[in-house]
Amino acid sequence: MTIGFIGAGTMAGAIVRGVTAAGVVPGGDVLLYDVNESAAQRLADDVGATVGVSAEAVVAGSDVVVLAVKPQVLPAVLGGVADAVVERRPVLVSIAAGITLSALEALLPGGQVPVVRVMPNVNAMIGAGMAALCGNDAAGEGDVARVEEIFAAVGGTVVLAEKDFATYTAIAGSSPAFVFTFIDALARGAVRDGMPKALATRIAAQAVLGSARMVLERADDGVSPADLVDMVCSPGGTTIAGIVAMEEAGFTPAVVRGVRAVVDRDRELAD
């Protein structure tokens, strides 16, 4: 399998390094193109990939083509390679937020091309991302599985109906920012009581990391996050006092409202 990337920015770099490090493909089976030639060359040098002379050349030489460009420029980029895509018929992957499968298909007149829409998140940069995938009618199970293998190299994956992508954006695409804010708030609470900010941040971040792992590992046993809360909260203890104080300040409703705001805004942008 040869994978081509049009765009060599931060997310493309994370995916390229992930797939080559995991052995999904060797660096020699990765083709790159970016209008910023130096960015493409730096990434190619890191993993032993090849820089294509043009976006069309990358399409012509690839079994899977990842469009790793910003949403506002994707229509122009895809329009420029549409003929090459229709002729070659690679599995076309878009990681551009807010651009639907039907919008991508409309930019590919003249042929049924397998298209897979993917929404990764920022944590792919450290190999701990989460990605949602959805294929069009021309994308078979094998096509989606190939794309899932690529993104599994940089974290978890899930195949979702496209109607759920806005909700996914809230709980996986935007939620890292929510969690970063929560960690910072915990650290600020510790600073209030005299602990240095950097130390408090490291402690809080490790606690959040471990808590997330516990949720994932105990889920197979039927243990929910609410069950874990109860496990930590001793009757009349310190933790339940903190939980009650946060809920009185609107903690859960605030999070739910944040998710709702992301979903609403995502749908506005897609219209």
C-alpha atoms as a PDB file:
ATOM      1  CA  MET A   1       0.000   0.000   0.000  1.00  0.00           C
ATOM      2  CA  THR A   2       1.328   3.395  -1.010  1.00  0.00           C
ATOM      3  CA  ILE A   3      -0.029   6.392   0.907  1.00  0.00           C
ATOM      4  CA  GLY A   4       0.048   9.887  -0.513  1.00  0.00           C
ATOM      5  CA  PHE A   5      -0.371  13.049   1.540  1.00  0.00           C
ATOM      6  CA  ILE A   6      -1.365  16.361   0.039  1.00  0.00           C
ATOM      7  CA  GLY A   7      -0.369  18.728   2.804  1.00  0.00           C
ATOM      8  CA  ALA A   8       2.588  18.270   5.138  1.00  0.00           C
ATOM      9  CA  GLY A   9       1.526  20.251   8.183  1.00  0.00           C
ATOM     10  CA  THR A  10       1.272  19.245  11.825  1.00  0.00           C
ATOM     11  CA  MET A  11      -1.485  16.644  11.494  1.00  0.00           C
ATOM     12  CA  ALA A  12      -0.027  15.130   8.344  1.00  0.00           C
ATOM     13  CA  GLY A  13       3.328  14.898  10.085  1.00  0.00           C
ATOM     14  CA  ALA A  14       1.791  13.110  13.058  1.00  0.00           C
ATOM     15  CA  ILE A  15       0.055  10.575  10.823  1.00  0.00           C
ATOM     16  CA  VAL A  16       3.102   9.992   8.618  1.00  0.00           C
ATOM     17  CA  ARG A  17       5.379   9.443  11.595  1.00  0.00           C
ATOM     18  CA  GLY A  18       2.771   7.192  13.195  1.00  0.00           C
ATOM     19  CA  VAL A  19       2.228   4.895  10.210  1.00  0.00           C
ATOM     20  CA  THR A  20       5.923   4.540   9.495  1.00  0.00           C
ATOM     21  CA  ALA A  21       6.865   3.957  13.145  1.00  0.00           C
ATOM     22  CA  ALA A  22       4.102   1.361  13.505  1.00  0.00           C
ATOM     23  CA  GLY A  23       5.169  -0.433  10.334  1.00  0.00           C
ATOM     24  CA  VAL A  24       1.869   0.126   8.527  1.00  0.00           C
ATOM     25  CA  VAL A  25       4.008   1.151   5.549  1.00  0.00           C
ATOM     26  CA  PRO A  26       7.722   1.851   5.210  1.00  0.00           C
ATOM     27  CA  GLY A  27       8.792   5.417   4.630  1.00  0.00           C
ATOM     28  CA  GLY A  28       9.570   4.583   1.023  1.00  0.00           C
ATOM     29  CA  ASP A  29       5.863   3.919   0.394  1.00  0.00           C
ATOM     30  CA  VAL A  30       4.828   7.420   1.481  1.00  0.00           C
ATOM     31  CA  LEU A  31       4.510  10.229  -1.052  1.00  0.00           C
ATOM     32  CA  LEU A  32       4.228  13.869   0.038  1.00  0.00           C
ATOM     33  CA  TYR A  33       3.304  17.132  -1.567  1.00  0.00           C
ATOM     34  CA  ASP A  34       2.873  20.575  -0.061  1.00  0.00           C
ATOM     35  CA  VAL A  35       2.975  24.038  -1.581  1.00  0.00           C
ATOM     36  CA  ASN A  36       5.536  24.688   1.147  1.00  0.00           C
ATOM     37  CA  GLU A  37       8.271  22.567  -0.407  1.00  0.00           C
ATOM     38  CA  SER A  38      10.599  22.857   2.573  1.00  0.00           C
ATOM     39  CA  ALA A  39       7.924  21.518   4.957  1.00  0.00           C
ATOM     40  CA  ALA A  40       7.340  18.510   2.715  1.00  0.00           C
ATOM     41  CA  GLN A  41      11.065  17.885   2.377  1.00  0.00           C
ATOM     42  CA  ARG A  42      11.678  18.073   6.142  1.00  0.00           C
ATOM     43  CA  LEU A  43       8.949  15.529   6.787  1.00  0.00           C
ATOM     44  CA  ALA A  44      10.214  13.304   3.976  1.00  0.00           C
ATOM     45  CA  ASP A  45      13.721  13.421   5.377  1.00  0.00           C
ATOM     46  CA  ASP A  46      12.450  12.406   8.822  1.00  0.00           C
ATOM     47  CA  VAL A  47      10.839   9.170   7.622  1.00  0.00           C
ATOM     48  CA  GLY A  48      12.491   8.393   4.300  1.00  0.00           C
ATOM     49  CA  ALA A  49       9.472   9.397   2.217  1.00  0.00           C
ATOM     50  CA  THR A  50       9.443  10.839  -1.299  1.00  0.00           C
ATOM     51  CA  VAL A  51       8.351  14.349  -2.203  1.00  0.00           C
ATOM     52  CA  GLY A  52       6.187  14.419  -5.313  1.00  0.00           C
ATOM     53  CA  VAL A  53       6.708  16.997  -8.022  1.00  0.00           C
ATOM     54  CA  SER A  54       3.013  17.896  -7.861  1.00  0.00           C
ATOM     55  CA  ALA A  55      -0.221  16.999  -6.116  1.00  0.00           C
ATOM     56  CA  GLU A  56      -1.309  15.183  -9.278  1.00  0.00           C
ATOM     57  CA  ALA A  57       1.863  13.080  -9.204  1.00  0.00           C
ATOM     58  CA  VAL A  58       1.134  12.056  -5.608  1.00  0.00           C
ATOM     59  CA  VAL A  59      -2.380  10.981  -6.597  1.00  0.00           C
ATOM     60  CA  ALA A  60      -1.099   9.028  -9.599  1.00  0.00           C
ATOM     61  CA  GLY A  61       1.322   7.051  -7.438  1.00  0.00           C
ATOM     62  CA  SER A  62      -0.855   6.324  -4.401  1.00  0.00           C
ATOM     63  CA  ASP A  63      -3.355   3.680  -3.333  1.00  0.00           C
ATOM     64  CA  VAL A  64      -4.647   5.933  -0.544  1.00  0.00           C
ATOM     65  CA  VAL A  65      -4.540   9.734  -0.759  1.00  0.00           C
ATOM     66  CA  VAL A  66      -4.948  11.806   2.421  1.00  0.00           C
ATOM     67  CA  LEU A  67      -6.069  15.377   1.896  1.00  0.00           C
ATOM     68  CA  ALA A  68      -4.391  17.010   4.893  1.00  0.00           C
ATOM     69  CA  VAL A  69      -5.244  20.620   4.110  1.00  0.00           C
ATOM     70  CA  LYS A  70      -7.387  23.240   5.802  1.00  0.00           C
ATOM     71  CA  PRO A  71     -11.133  23.184   5.069  1.00  0.00           C
ATOM     72  CA  GLN A  72     -11.098  26.575   3.393  1.00  0.00           C
ATOM     73  CA  VAL A  73      -8.573  25.480   0.763  1.00  0.00           C
ATOM     74  CA  LEU A  74      -9.716  21.881   0.292  1.00  0.00           C
ATOM     75  CA  PRO A  75     -12.220  22.619  -2.524  1.00  0.00           C
ATOM     76  CA  ALA A  76      -9.516  24.302  -4.599  1.00  0.00           C
ATOM     77  CA  VAL A  77      -6.970  21.569  -3.847  1.00  0.00           C
ATOM     78  CA  LEU A  78      -9.371  18.730  -4.637  1.00  0.00           C
ATOM     79  CA  GLY A  79     -10.646  20.516  -7.711  1.00  0.00           C
ATOM     80  CA  GLY A  80      -7.079  20.722  -8.979  1.00  0.00           C
ATOM     81  CA  VAL A  81      -6.511  16.955  -8.701  1.00  0.00           C
ATOM     82  CA  ALA A  82     -10.046  15.745  -9.449  1.00  0.00           C
ATOM     83  CA  ASP A  83      -9.204  14.377 -12.890  1.00  0.00           C
ATOM     84  CA  ALA A  84      -6.210  12.454 -11.525  1.00  0.00           C
ATOM     85  CA  VAL A  85      -8.322  11.074  -8.677  1.00  0.00           C
ATOM     86  CA  VAL A  86     -11.095   9.889 -11.005  1.00  0.00           C
ATOM     87  CA  GLU A  87      -8.535   8.265 -13.309  1.00  0.00           C
ATOM     88  CA  ARG A  88      -6.501   6.549 -10.568  1.00  0.00           C
ATOM     89  CA  ARG A  89      -9.394   5.879  -8.152  1.00  0.00           C
ATOM     90  CA  PRO A  90      -7.382   5.724  -4.935  1.00  0.00           C
ATOM     91  CA  VAL A  91      -9.154   5.670  -1.602  1.00  0.00           C
ATOM     92  CA  LEU A  92      -9.539   9.387  -0.988  1.00  0.00           C
ATOM     93  CA  VAL A  93      -9.355  10.498   2.635  1.00  0.00           C
ATOM     94  CA  SER A  94     -10.350  13.930   3.902  1.00  0.00           C
ATOM     95  CA  ILE A  95      -9.498  15.146   7.394  1.00  0.00           C
ATOM     96  CA  ALA A  96     -11.022  18.596   6.828  1.00  0.00           C
ATOM     97  CA  ALA A  97     -13.566  19.518   9.494  1.00  0.00           C
ATOM     98  CA  GLY A  98     -17.073  20.337   8.360  1.00  0.00           C
ATOM     99  CA  ILE A  99     -16.807  19.113   4.761  1.00  0.00           C
ATOM    100  CA  THR A 100     -19.315  16.338   4.181  1.00  0.00           C
ATOM    101  CA  LEU A 101     -19.017  13.279   1.989  1.00  0.00           C
ATOM    102  CA  SER A 102     -21.584  14.695  -0.416  1.00  0.00           C
ATOM    103  CA  ALA A 103     -19.583  17.929  -0.711  1.00  0.00           C
ATOM    104  CA  LEU A 104     -16.433  15.930  -1.448  1.00  0.00           C
ATOM    105  CA  GLU A 105     -18.229  13.816  -4.040  1.00  0.00           C
ATOM    106  CA  ALA A 106     -19.534  16.954  -5.747  1.00  0.00           C
ATOM    107  CA  LEU A 107     -15.924  17.973  -6.371  1.00  0.00           C
ATOM    108  CA  LEU A 108     -15.249  14.673  -8.173  1.00  0.00           C
ATOM    109  CA  PRO A 109     -17.515  14.661 -11.218  1.00  0.00           C
ATOM    110  CA  GLY A 110     -17.289  11.834 -13.687  1.00  0.00           C
ATOM    111  CA  GLY A 111     -16.591   8.824 -11.527  1.00  0.00           C
ATOM    112  CA  GLN A 112     -17.452   6.903  -8.379  1.00  0.00           C
ATOM    113  CA  VAL A 113     -14.422   7.262  -6.119  1.00  0.00           C
ATOM    114  CA  PRO A 114     -14.151   5.666  -2.667  1.00  0.00           C
ATOM    115  CA  VAL A 115     -14.092   8.550  -0.203  1.00  0.00           C
ATOM    116  CA  VAL A 116     -13.569   8.257   3.541  1.00  0.00           C
ATOM    117  CA  ARG A 117     -14.138  11.225   5.799  1.00  0.00           C
ATOM    118  CA  VAL A 118     -12.002  11.171   8.938  1.00  0.00           C
ATOM    119  CA  MET A 119     -12.025  13.427  11.980  1.00  0.00           C
ATOM    120  CA  PRO A 120      -8.826  12.993  14.003  1.00  0.00           C
ATOM    121  CA  ASN A 121      -7.971  15.057  17.060  1.00  0.00           C
ATOM    122  CA  VAL A 122      -4.929  16.931  18.282  1.00  0.00           C
ATOM    123  CA  ASN A 123      -3.749  14.068  20.486  1.00  0.00           C
ATOM    124  CA  ALA A 124      -2.673  12.215  17.338  1.00  0.00           C
ATOM    125  CA  MET A 125       0.471  14.331  17.686  1.00  0.00           C
ATOM    126  CA  ILE A 126       1.575  12.066  20.546  1.00  0.00           C
ATOM    127  CA  GLY A 127       0.061   8.838  19.238  1.00  0.00           C
ATOM    128  CA  ALA A 128      -2.925   9.031  21.579  1.00  0.00           C
ATOM    129  CA  GLY A 129      -5.558  10.482  19.281  1.00  0.00           C
ATOM    130  CA  MET A 130      -9.133   9.533  18.526  1.00  0.00           C
ATOM    131  CA  ALA A 131     -10.453   9.406  14.969  1.00  0.00           C
ATOM    132  CA  ALA A 132     -13.947   8.910  13.572  1.00  0.00           C
ATOM    133  CA  LEU A 133     -14.356   7.437  10.086  1.00  0.00           C
ATOM    134  CA  CYS A 134     -17.216   7.331   7.612  1.00  0.00           C
ATOM    135  CA  GLY A 135     -17.109   6.092   4.019  1.00  0.00           C
ATOM    136  CA  ASN A 136     -19.292   6.932   1.038  1.00  0.00           C
ATOM    137  CA  ASP A 137     -21.245   4.349  -0.950  1.00  0.00           C
ATOM    138  CA  ALA A 138     -18.249   3.668  -3.200  1.00  0.00           C
ATOM    139  CA  ALA A 139     -16.014   2.865  -0.216  1.00  0.00           C
ATOM    140  CA  GLY A 140     -16.207  -0.817   0.640  1.00  0.00           C
ATOM    141  CA  GLU A 141     -15.416  -2.390   3.990  1.00  0.00           C
ATOM    142  CA  GLY A 142     -11.887  -3.070   2.811  1.00  0.00           C
ATOM    143  CA  ASP A 143     -11.359   0.579   1.889  1.00  0.00           C
ATOM    144  CA  VAL A 144     -12.552   1.784   5.282  1.00  0.00           C
ATOM    145  CA  ALA A 145     -10.430  -0.873   7.007  1.00  0.00           C
ATOM    146  CA  ARG A 146      -7.297   0.367   5.203  1.00  0.00           C
ATOM    147  CA  VAL A 147      -7.956   3.904   6.362  1.00  0.00           C
ATOM    148  CA  GLU A 148      -8.724   2.696   9.885  1.00  0.00           C
ATOM    149  CA  GLU A 149      -5.340   0.933   9.950  1.00  0.00           C
ATOM    150  CA  ILE A 150      -3.637   4.235   9.095  1.00  0.00           C
ATOM    151  CA  PHE A 151      -5.313   6.196  11.869  1.00  0.00           C
ATOM    152  CA  ALA A 152      -5.015   3.381  14.414  1.00  0.00           C
ATOM    153  CA  ALA A 153      -1.264   4.059  14.225  1.00  0.00           C
ATOM    154  CA  VAL A 154      -1.854   7.373  16.028  1.00  0.00           C
ATOM    155  CA  GLY A 155      -4.589   6.391  18.492  1.00  0.00           C
ATOM    156  CA  GLY A 156      -8.078   4.949  18.702  1.00  0.00           C
ATOM    157  CA  THR A 157     -10.601   4.766  15.877  1.00  0.00           C
ATOM    158  CA  VAL A 158     -14.337   4.361  15.516  1.00  0.00           C
ATOM    159  CA  VAL A 159     -16.554   4.013  12.445  1.00  0.00           C
ATOM    160  CA  LEU A 160     -19.531   6.373  12.778  1.00  0.00           C
ATOM    161  CA  ALA A 161     -22.552   7.363  10.756  1.00  0.00           C
ATOM    162  CA  GLU A 162     -21.921  10.799   9.281  1.00  0.00           C
ATOM    163  CA  LYS A 163     -24.959  12.200  11.093  1.00  0.00           C
ATOM    164  CA  ASP A 164     -23.028  11.706  14.353  1.00  0.00           C
ATOM    165  CA  PHE A 165     -19.926  13.623  13.282  1.00  0.00           C
ATOM    166  CA  ALA A 166     -21.037  16.897  14.858  1.00  0.00           C
ATOM    167  CA  THR A 167     -21.510  15.171  18.214  1.00  0.00           C
ATOM    168  CA  TYR A 168     -18.190  13.393  17.801  1.00  0.00           C
ATOM    169  CA  THR A 169     -16.535  16.758  17.154  1.00  0.00           C
ATOM    170  CA  ALA A 170     -17.762  17.959  20.543  1.00  0.00           C
ATOM    171  CA  ILE A 171     -16.704  14.958  22.616  1.00  0.00           C
ATOM    172  CA  ALA A 172     -13.441  14.130  20.831  1.00  0.00           C
ATOM    173  CA  GLY A 173     -12.416  16.955  18.499  1.00  0.00           C
ATOM    174  CA  SER A 174     -13.060  19.867  20.852  1.00  0.00           C
ATOM    175  CA  SER A 175     -12.889  18.049  24.172  1.00  0.00           C
ATOM    176  CA  PRO A 176      -9.084  18.087  24.427  1.00  0.00           C
ATOM    177  CA  ALA A 177      -9.392  21.866  24.859  1.00  0.00           C
ATOM    178  CA  PHE A 178     -12.030  21.283  27.541  1.00  0.00           C
ATOM    179  CA  VAL A 179      -9.732  18.837  29.332  1.00  0.00           C
ATOM    180  CA  PHE A 180      -6.753  21.193  29.047  1.00  0.00           C
ATOM    181  CA  THR A 181      -8.932  23.880  30.634  1.00  0.00           C
ATOM    182  CA  PHE A 182      -9.942  21.489  33.434  1.00  0.00           C
ATOM    183  CA  ILE A 183      -6.314  20.566  34.143  1.00  0.00           C
ATOM    184  CA  ASP A 184      -5.366  24.229  34.221  1.00  0.00           C
ATOM    185  CA  ALA A 185      -8.255  24.962  36.592  1.00  0.00           C
ATOM    186  CA  LEU A 186      -7.129  22.175  38.943  1.00  0.00           C
ATOM    187  CA  ALA A 187      -3.615  23.596  38.907  1.00  0.00           C
ATOM    188  CA  ARG A 188      -4.876  27.108  39.635  1.00  0.00           C
ATOM    189  CA  GLY A 189      -6.805  25.755  42.599  1.00  0.00           C
ATOM    190  CA  ALA A 190      -3.551  24.295  43.901  1.00  0.00           C
ATOM    191  CA  VAL A 191      -1.698  27.563  43.260  1.00  0.00           C
ATOM    192  CA  ARG A 192      -4.273  29.284  45.446  1.00  0.00           C
ATOM    193  CA  ASP A 193      -3.076  27.103  48.313  1.00  0.00           C
ATOM    194  CA  GLY A 194       0.602  27.757  47.622  1.00  0.00           C
ATOM    195  CA  MET A 195       1.745  25.024  45.242  1.00  0.00           C
ATOM    196  CA  PRO A 196       3.904  26.113  42.256  1.00  0.00           C
ATOM    197  CA  LYS A 197       1.915  26.128  38.988  1.00  0.00           C
ATOM    198  CA  ALA A 198       4.240  23.856  37.004  1.00  0.00           C
ATOM    199  CA  LEU A 199       4.241  21.204  39.732  1.00  0.00           C
ATOM    200  CA  ALA A 200       0.484  21.416  40.187  1.00  0.00           C
ATOM    201  CA  THR A 201      -0.054  21.073  36.421  1.00  0.00           C
ATOM    202  CA  ARG A 202       2.120  17.945  36.227  1.00  0.00           C
ATOM    203  CA  ILE A 203       0.291  16.348  39.148  1.00  0.00           C
ATOM    204  CA  ALA A 204      -3.156  17.200  37.777  1.00  0.00           C
ATOM    205  CA  ALA A 205      -2.281  16.019  34.259  1.00  0.00           C
ATOM    206  CA  GLN A 206      -1.056  12.653  35.521  1.00  0.00           C
ATOM    207  CA  ALA A 207      -4.210  12.251  37.603  1.00  0.00           C
ATOM    208  CA  VAL A 208      -6.388  12.956  34.548  1.00  0.00           C
ATOM    209  CA  LEU A 209      -4.345  10.564  32.411  1.00  0.00           C
ATOM    210  CA  GLY A 210      -4.696   7.769  34.940  1.00  0.00           C
ATOM    211  CA  SER A 211      -8.402   8.450  35.383  1.00  0.00           C
ATOM    212  CA  ALA A 212      -9.009   8.192  31.629  1.00  0.00           C
ATOM    213  CA  ARG A 213      -7.126   4.904  31.493  1.00  0.00           C
ATOM    214  CA  MET A 214      -9.203   3.547  34.365  1.00  0.00           C
ATOM    215  CA  VAL A 215     -12.448   4.455  32.585  1.00  0.00           C
ATOM    216  CA  LEU A 216     -11.302   2.592  29.460  1.00  0.00           C
ATOM    217  CA  GLU A 217      -9.966  -0.450  31.272  1.00  0.00           C
ATOM    218  CA  ARG A 218     -12.913  -0.882  33.630  1.00  0.00           C
ATOM    219  CA  ALA A 219     -15.516  -0.379  30.884  1.00  0.00           C
ATOM    220  CA  ASP A 220     -15.028  -4.002  29.773  1.00  0.00           C
ATOM    221  CA  ASP A 221     -16.181  -5.033  33.254  1.00  0.00           C
ATOM    222  CA  GLY A 222     -19.337  -2.945  32.960  1.00  0.00           C
ATOM    223  CA  VAL A 223     -18.035  -0.251  35.306  1.00  0.00           C
ATOM    224  CA  SER A 224     -19.216   3.236  34.350  1.00  0.00           C
ATOM    225  CA  PRO A 225     -17.565   6.577  35.123  1.00  0.00           C
ATOM    226  CA  ALA A 226     -20.359   7.218  37.639  1.00  0.00           C
ATOM    227  CA  ASP A 227     -19.471   3.941  39.370  1.00  0.00           C
ATOM    228  CA  LEU A 228     -15.855   5.098  39.603  1.00  0.00           C
ATOM    229  CA  VAL A 229     -16.954   8.404  41.111  1.00  0.00           C
ATOM    230  CA  ASP A 230     -18.811   6.490  43.804  1.00  0.00           C
ATOM    231  CA  MET A 231     -15.724   4.352  44.417  1.00  0.00           C
ATOM    232  CA  VAL A 232     -13.606   7.432  45.167  1.00  0.00           C
ATOM    233  CA  CYS A 233     -16.224   9.254  47.260  1.00  0.00           C
ATOM    234  CA  SER A 234     -16.254   8.076  50.861  1.00  0.00           C
ATOM    235  CA  PRO A 235     -19.356   9.055  52.853  1.00  0.00           C
ATOM    236  CA  GLY A 236     -18.808  12.422  54.469  1.00  0.00           C
ATOM    237  CA  GLY A 237     -15.306  12.610  52.970  1.00  0.00           C
ATOM    238  CA  THR A 238     -13.224  15.204  51.146  1.00  0.00           C
ATOM    239  CA  THR A 239     -13.963  14.083  47.584  1.00  0.00           C
ATOM    240  CA  ILE A 240     -17.743  14.166  47.899  1.00  0.00           C
ATOM    241  CA  ALA A 241     -17.440  17.636  49.398  1.00  0.00           C
ATOM    242  CA  GLY A 242     -15.577  18.733  46.283  1.00  0.00           C
ATOM    243  CA  ILE A 243     -18.059  17.012  43.957  1.00  0.00           C
ATOM    244  CA  VAL A 244     -21.023  18.685  45.648  1.00  0.00           C
ATOM    245  CA  ALA A 245     -19.328  22.092  45.490  1.00  0.00           C
ATOM    246  CA  MET A 246     -18.604  21.728  41.756  1.00  0.00           C
ATOM    247  CA  GLU A 247     -22.117  20.541  40.987  1.00  0.00           C
ATOM    248  CA  GLU A 248     -23.586  23.451  42.962  1.00  0.00           C
ATOM    249  CA  ALA A 249     -21.478  25.716  40.722  1.00  0.00           C
ATOM    250  CA  GLY A 250     -22.981  24.049  37.633  1.00  0.00           C
ATOM    251  CA  PHE A 251     -20.161  21.695  36.595  1.00  0.00           C
ATOM    252  CA  THR A 252     -22.161  19.016  34.739  1.00  0.00           C
ATOM    253  CA  PRO A 253     -24.652  21.438  33.140  1.00  0.00           C
ATOM    254  CA  ALA A 254     -21.743  23.606  31.974  1.00  0.00           C
ATOM    255  CA  VAL A 255     -20.073  20.641  30.274  1.00  0.00           C
ATOM    256  CA  VAL A 256     -23.321  19.565  28.620  1.00  0.00           C
ATOM    257  CA  ARG A 257     -23.884  23.131  27.403  1.00  0.00           C
ATOM    258  CA  GLY A 258     -20.350  23.178  26.013  1.00  0.00           C
ATOM    259  CA  VAL A 259     -21.006  19.991  24.036  1.00  0.00           C
ATOM    260  CA  ARG A 260     -24.282  21.424  22.753  1.00  0.00           C
ATOM    261  CA  ALA A 261     -22.587  24.655  21.656  1.00  0.00           C
ATOM    262  CA  VAL A 262     -19.972  22.743  19.653  1.00  0.00           C
ATOM    263  CA  VAL A 263     -22.623  20.586  17.968  1.00  0.00           C
ATOM    264  CA  ASP A 264     -24.727  23.624  17.048  1.00  0.00           C
ATOM    265  CA  ARG A 265     -21.746  25.544  15.685  1.00  0.00           C
ATOM    266  CA  ASP A 266     -20.475  22.550  13.715  1.00  0.00           C
ATOM    267  CA  ARG A 267     -23.856  22.174  12.031  1.00  0.00           C
ATOM    268  CA  GLU A 268     -23.981  25.897  11.273  1.00  0.00           C
ATOM    269  CA  LEU A 269     -20.609  25.693   9.526  1.00  0.00           C
ATOM    270  CA  ALA A 270     -21.685  22.642   7.527  1.00  0.00           C
ATOM    271  CA  ASP A 271     -24.814  24.371   6.164  1.00  0.00           C
END
